[in-house]
C-alpha cells in the first residue's frame, strides 16, 4: 500500500503536468439547459422516492388492517351471551371430566 507522502507526491506531479490554460467557456445553450434542469428539481437519480412511496402505502394499509382487527375484536367482546355459555360449558367439562 502506498504511503501518504508518495500519494501526495504523485498528486503534485499530476497537478504540474496539467495544462495551464483555462478550459473554454460553456456554450450559452448548454448553460441554459443545465440551469433549467437544475431549477426544475427533477429527481432523476433519486431511486429512494419510489421505495418511500411503497413503504408509506404499506404503512397506511397496515394501520387500516389494525384498526379493522381492533374493531372486530371489540364487537366480539361486547357479545356476552356466547361468552357466558362458553364459560359455563368449560366449568361443566372441568367438573365432570377427570
N, C-alpha and C. Protein backbone atom coordinates (compact mmCIF):
# COMPACT_ATOMS: atom_id res chain seq x y z
N UNK A 1 0.85 -1.17 0.00
CA UNK A 1 0.00 0.00 0.00
C UNK A 1 0.89 1.23 0.00
N UNK A 2 0.52 2.21 -0.76
CA UNK A 2 1.33 3.42 -0.88
C UNK A 2 1.22 4.26 0.38
N UNK A 3 2.34 4.89 0.72
CA UNK A 3 2.30 5.79 1.88
C UNK A 3 1.65 7.10 1.47
N UNK A 4 1.28 7.86 2.46
CA UNK A 4 0.61 9.13 2.18
C UNK A 4 1.53 10.12 1.48
N UNK A 5 2.80 10.10 1.85
CA UNK A 5 3.76 11.02 1.22
C UNK A 5 3.91 10.70 -0.26
N UNK A 6 3.95 9.41 -0.59
CA UNK A 6 4.10 9.03 -2.00
C UNK A 6 2.85 9.42 -2.80
N UNK A 7 1.68 9.21 -2.22
CA UNK A 7 0.45 9.61 -2.92
C UNK A 7 0.40 11.13 -3.09
N UNK A 8 0.87 11.88 -2.10
CA UNK A 8 0.89 13.33 -2.20
C UNK A 8 1.86 13.79 -3.28
N UNK A 9 3.02 13.15 -3.37
CA UNK A 9 3.97 13.48 -4.43
C UNK A 9 3.39 13.21 -5.81
N UNK A 10 2.67 12.09 -5.95
CA UNK A 10 2.04 11.78 -7.24
C UNK A 10 0.97 12.79 -7.59
N UNK A 11 0.24 13.24 -6.60
CA UNK A 11 -0.80 14.23 -6.83
C UNK A 11 -0.19 15.57 -7.28
N UNK A 12 0.89 15.98 -6.63
CA UNK A 12 1.57 17.21 -7.05
C UNK A 12 2.15 17.08 -8.45
N UNK A 13 2.69 15.90 -8.78
CA UNK A 13 3.24 15.69 -10.13
C UNK A 13 2.14 15.76 -11.17
N UNK A 14 0.98 15.21 -10.88
CA UNK A 14 -0.15 15.27 -11.81
C UNK A 14 -0.63 16.70 -11.96
N UNK A 15 -0.58 17.49 -10.88
CA UNK A 15 -1.00 18.88 -10.96
C UNK A 15 -0.03 19.70 -11.80
N UNK A 16 1.26 19.38 -11.72
CA UNK A 16 2.25 20.08 -12.54
C UNK A 16 2.07 19.74 -14.01
N UNK A 17 1.65 18.52 -14.31
CA UNK A 17 1.51 18.08 -15.69
C UNK A 17 0.22 18.58 -16.34
N UNK A 18 -0.68 19.12 -15.57
CA UNK A 18 -1.96 19.60 -16.10
C UNK A 18 -1.73 20.84 -16.96
N UNK A 19 -2.54 21.02 -17.99
CA UNK A 19 -2.37 22.21 -18.83
C UNK A 19 -2.68 23.48 -18.04
N UNK A 20 -1.96 24.54 -18.35
CA UNK A 20 -2.09 25.79 -17.60
C UNK A 20 -3.27 26.62 -18.09
N UNK A 21 -3.66 26.46 -19.37
CA UNK A 21 -4.74 27.31 -19.88
C UNK A 21 -6.09 26.85 -19.31
N UNK A 22 -6.96 27.81 -19.19
CA UNK A 22 -8.29 27.54 -18.65
C UNK A 22 -9.14 26.86 -19.72
N UNK A 23 -10.06 26.01 -19.34
CA UNK A 23 -10.93 25.38 -20.33
C UNK A 23 -11.84 26.43 -20.97
N UNK A 24 -12.30 26.12 -22.16
CA UNK A 24 -13.16 27.08 -22.86
C UNK A 24 -14.51 27.17 -22.15
N UNK A 25 -15.14 28.29 -22.33
CA UNK A 25 -16.41 28.55 -21.65
C UNK A 25 -17.52 27.66 -22.20
N UNK A 26 -18.48 27.39 -21.36
CA UNK A 26 -19.62 26.57 -21.75
C UNK A 26 -20.51 27.38 -22.71
N UNK A 27 -21.07 26.70 -23.69
CA UNK A 27 -21.95 27.40 -24.62
C UNK A 27 -23.20 27.87 -23.90
N UNK A 28 -23.79 28.95 -24.39
CA UNK A 28 -24.94 29.53 -23.70
C UNK A 28 -26.15 28.59 -23.74
N UNK A 29 -26.30 27.83 -24.83
CA UNK A 29 -27.42 26.88 -24.92
C UNK A 29 -27.28 25.78 -23.87
N UNK A 30 -26.08 25.23 -23.75
CA UNK A 30 -25.86 24.18 -22.76
C UNK A 30 -26.02 24.73 -21.35
N UNK A 31 -25.54 25.92 -21.12
CA UNK A 31 -25.68 26.54 -19.80
C UNK A 31 -27.16 26.76 -19.46
N UNK A 32 -27.94 27.18 -20.42
CA UNK A 32 -29.38 27.37 -20.20
C UNK A 32 -30.07 26.06 -19.86
N UNK A 33 -29.74 25.00 -20.59
CA UNK A 33 -30.37 23.70 -20.34
C UNK A 33 -29.99 23.14 -18.97
N UNK A 34 -28.72 23.29 -18.60
CA UNK A 34 -28.27 22.80 -17.29
C UNK A 34 -28.97 23.55 -16.17
N UNK A 35 -29.04 24.86 -16.29
CA UNK A 35 -29.73 25.65 -15.26
C UNK A 35 -31.22 25.34 -15.20
N UNK A 36 -31.84 25.13 -16.35
CA UNK A 36 -33.28 24.80 -16.36
C UNK A 36 -33.53 23.45 -15.69
N UNK A 37 -32.67 22.49 -15.97
CA UNK A 37 -32.82 21.17 -15.34
C UNK A 37 -32.61 21.27 -13.83
N UNK A 38 -31.64 22.06 -13.43
CA UNK A 38 -31.35 22.20 -12.01
C UNK A 38 -32.50 22.91 -11.29
N UNK A 39 -33.05 23.94 -11.92
CA UNK A 39 -34.15 24.69 -11.30
C UNK A 39 -35.43 23.88 -11.24
N UNK A 40 -35.61 22.98 -12.19
CA UNK A 40 -36.82 22.15 -12.21
C UNK A 40 -36.83 21.17 -11.04
N UNK A 41 -35.64 20.82 -10.56
CA UNK A 41 -35.56 19.90 -9.43
C UNK A 41 -36.03 18.50 -9.79
N UNK A 42 -35.71 18.04 -10.96
CA UNK A 42 -36.13 16.72 -11.41
C UNK A 42 -35.39 15.66 -10.60
N UNK A 43 -36.11 14.78 -9.91
CA UNK A 43 -35.45 13.74 -9.12
C UNK A 43 -35.06 12.54 -9.98
N UNK A 44 -34.20 12.73 -10.93
CA UNK A 44 -33.84 11.65 -11.84
C UNK A 44 -33.05 10.54 -11.18
N UNK A 45 -32.13 10.90 -10.31
CA UNK A 45 -31.25 9.90 -9.71
C UNK A 45 -31.73 9.45 -8.35
N UNK A 46 -32.87 9.92 -7.91
CA UNK A 46 -33.37 9.57 -6.58
C UNK A 46 -34.18 8.29 -6.67
N UNK A 47 -33.54 7.17 -6.44
CA UNK A 47 -34.24 5.89 -6.53
C UNK A 47 -34.99 5.54 -5.25
N UNK A 48 -34.76 6.29 -4.18
CA UNK A 48 -35.42 6.00 -2.92
C UNK A 48 -36.83 6.57 -2.86
N UNK A 49 -37.18 7.47 -3.77
CA UNK A 49 -38.51 8.08 -3.74
C UNK A 49 -39.59 7.02 -3.99
N UNK A 50 -39.36 6.13 -4.93
CA UNK A 50 -40.35 5.08 -5.21
C UNK A 50 -40.50 4.12 -4.05
N UNK A 51 -39.38 3.76 -3.44
CA UNK A 51 -39.43 2.86 -2.29
C UNK A 51 -40.13 3.52 -1.11
N UNK A 52 -39.89 4.80 -0.91
CA UNK A 52 -40.55 5.51 0.18
C UNK A 52 -42.06 5.56 -0.04
N UNK A 53 -42.50 5.73 -1.27
CA UNK A 53 -43.94 5.74 -1.56
C UNK A 53 -44.56 4.37 -1.30
N UNK A 54 -43.86 3.32 -1.67
CA UNK A 54 -44.37 1.96 -1.43
C UNK A 54 -44.46 1.68 0.07
N UNK A 55 -43.43 2.06 0.80
CA UNK A 55 -43.45 1.82 2.24
C UNK A 55 -44.51 2.67 2.95
N UNK A 56 -44.74 3.88 2.46
CA UNK A 56 -45.79 4.72 3.03
C UNK A 56 -47.16 4.08 2.80
N UNK A 57 -47.38 3.53 1.61
CA UNK A 57 -48.64 2.85 1.32
C UNK A 57 -48.81 1.60 2.17
N UNK A 58 -47.71 0.86 2.37
CA UNK A 58 -47.79 -0.34 3.20
C UNK A 58 -48.10 0.02 4.65
N UNK A 59 -47.52 1.11 5.13
CA UNK A 59 -47.81 1.55 6.49
C UNK A 59 -49.27 1.95 6.64
N UNK A 60 -49.80 2.64 5.65
CA UNK A 60 -51.21 3.02 5.69
C UNK A 60 -52.12 1.79 5.69
N UNK A 61 -51.85 0.83 4.81
CA UNK A 61 -52.66 -0.39 4.75
C UNK A 61 -52.56 -1.19 6.05
N UNK A 62 -51.38 -1.25 6.63
CA UNK A 62 -51.21 -1.94 7.90
C UNK A 62 -52.00 -1.27 9.01
N UNK A 63 -52.02 0.05 9.01
CA UNK A 63 -52.80 0.78 10.02
C UNK A 63 -54.28 0.54 9.87
N UNK A 64 -54.76 0.53 8.63
CA UNK A 64 -56.18 0.25 8.38
C UNK A 64 -56.53 -1.17 8.82
N UNK A 65 -55.67 -2.12 8.51
CA UNK A 65 -55.92 -3.51 8.93
C UNK A 65 -55.94 -3.62 10.45
N UNK A 66 -55.05 -2.90 11.13
CA UNK A 66 -55.02 -2.95 12.58
C UNK A 66 -56.30 -2.37 13.18
N UNK A 67 -56.76 -1.26 12.65
CA UNK A 67 -58.00 -0.66 13.15
C UNK A 67 -59.18 -1.59 12.92
N UNK A 68 -59.24 -2.24 11.76
CA UNK A 68 -60.32 -3.19 11.50
C UNK A 68 -60.28 -4.38 12.46
N UNK A 69 -59.08 -4.88 12.75
CA UNK A 69 -58.97 -6.00 13.69
C UNK A 69 -59.39 -5.60 15.10
N UNK A 70 -59.01 -4.41 15.52
CA UNK A 70 -59.41 -3.94 16.85
C UNK A 70 -60.92 -3.78 16.91
N UNK A 71 -61.53 -3.22 15.87
CA UNK A 71 -62.98 -3.05 15.85
C UNK A 71 -63.69 -4.40 15.86
N UNK A 72 -63.17 -5.35 15.12
CA UNK A 72 -63.78 -6.68 15.08
C UNK A 72 -63.65 -7.36 16.44
N UNK A 73 -62.50 -7.25 17.07
CA UNK A 73 -62.31 -7.85 18.39
C UNK A 73 -63.22 -7.20 19.42
N UNK A 74 -63.37 -5.88 19.33
CA UNK A 74 -64.24 -5.19 20.28
C UNK A 74 -65.69 -5.62 20.11
N UNK A 75 -66.12 -5.80 18.87
CA UNK A 75 -67.50 -6.23 18.66
C UNK A 75 -67.71 -7.65 19.18
N UNK A 76 -66.70 -8.49 19.13
CA UNK A 76 -66.82 -9.85 19.66
C UNK A 76 -66.83 -9.84 21.19
N UNK A 77 -66.14 -8.92 21.80
CA UNK A 77 -66.11 -8.85 23.26
C UNK A 77 -67.41 -8.32 23.85
N UNK A 78 -68.12 -7.52 23.11
CA UNK A 78 -69.37 -6.97 23.63
C UNK A 78 -70.51 -7.98 23.59
N UNK A 79 -70.36 -9.06 22.85
CA UNK A 79 -71.40 -10.09 22.77
C UNK A 79 -71.20 -11.05 23.95
N UNK A 80 -71.92 -10.82 25.06
CA UNK A 80 -71.71 -11.59 26.29
C UNK A 80 -72.45 -12.91 26.30
N UNK A 81 -73.46 -13.10 25.47
CA UNK A 81 -74.24 -14.34 25.52
C UNK A 81 -73.38 -15.55 25.17
N UNK A 82 -72.58 -15.43 24.15
CA UNK A 82 -71.72 -16.56 23.78
C UNK A 82 -70.62 -16.76 24.81
N UNK A 83 -70.13 -15.69 25.37
CA UNK A 83 -69.07 -15.82 26.35
C UNK A 83 -69.57 -16.51 27.62
N UNK A 84 -70.78 -16.19 28.05
CA UNK A 84 -71.32 -16.83 29.25
C UNK A 84 -71.53 -18.32 29.03
N UNK A 85 -72.04 -18.70 27.87
CA UNK A 85 -72.26 -20.11 27.56
C UNK A 85 -70.92 -20.85 27.49
N UNK A 86 -69.91 -20.24 26.92
CA UNK A 86 -68.61 -20.89 26.82
C UNK A 86 -68.00 -21.09 28.19
N UNK A 87 -68.15 -20.13 29.07
CA UNK A 87 -67.60 -20.26 30.43
C UNK A 87 -68.35 -21.35 31.19
N UNK A 88 -69.67 -21.40 31.04
CA UNK A 88 -70.45 -22.44 31.73
C UNK A 88 -70.08 -23.83 31.21
N UNK A 89 -69.93 -23.97 29.91
CA UNK A 89 -69.54 -25.26 29.35
C UNK A 89 -68.15 -25.66 29.82
N UNK A 90 -67.24 -24.73 29.94
CA UNK A 90 -65.89 -25.04 30.39
C UNK A 90 -65.91 -25.53 31.83
N UNK A 91 -66.68 -24.86 32.68
CA UNK A 91 -66.76 -25.27 34.08
C UNK A 91 -67.43 -26.64 34.21
N UNK A 92 -68.43 -26.89 33.36
CA UNK A 92 -69.09 -28.19 33.40
C UNK A 92 -68.13 -29.28 32.97
N UNK A 93 -67.36 -29.04 31.92
CA UNK A 93 -66.39 -30.05 31.46
C UNK A 93 -65.30 -30.24 32.48
N UNK A 94 -64.87 -29.18 33.14
CA UNK A 94 -63.79 -29.29 34.12
C UNK A 94 -64.27 -30.07 35.33
N UNK A 95 -65.56 -29.95 35.71
CA UNK A 95 -66.06 -30.68 36.87
C UNK A 95 -66.34 -32.14 36.55
N UNK A 96 -66.85 -32.44 35.37
CA UNK A 96 -67.23 -33.83 35.03
C UNK A 96 -66.08 -34.66 34.51
N UNK A 97 -65.15 -34.06 33.84
CA UNK A 97 -64.04 -34.82 33.27
C UNK A 97 -62.94 -34.99 34.31
N UNK A 98 -62.36 -36.19 34.39
CA UNK A 98 -61.31 -36.38 35.39
C UNK A 98 -59.99 -35.74 35.01
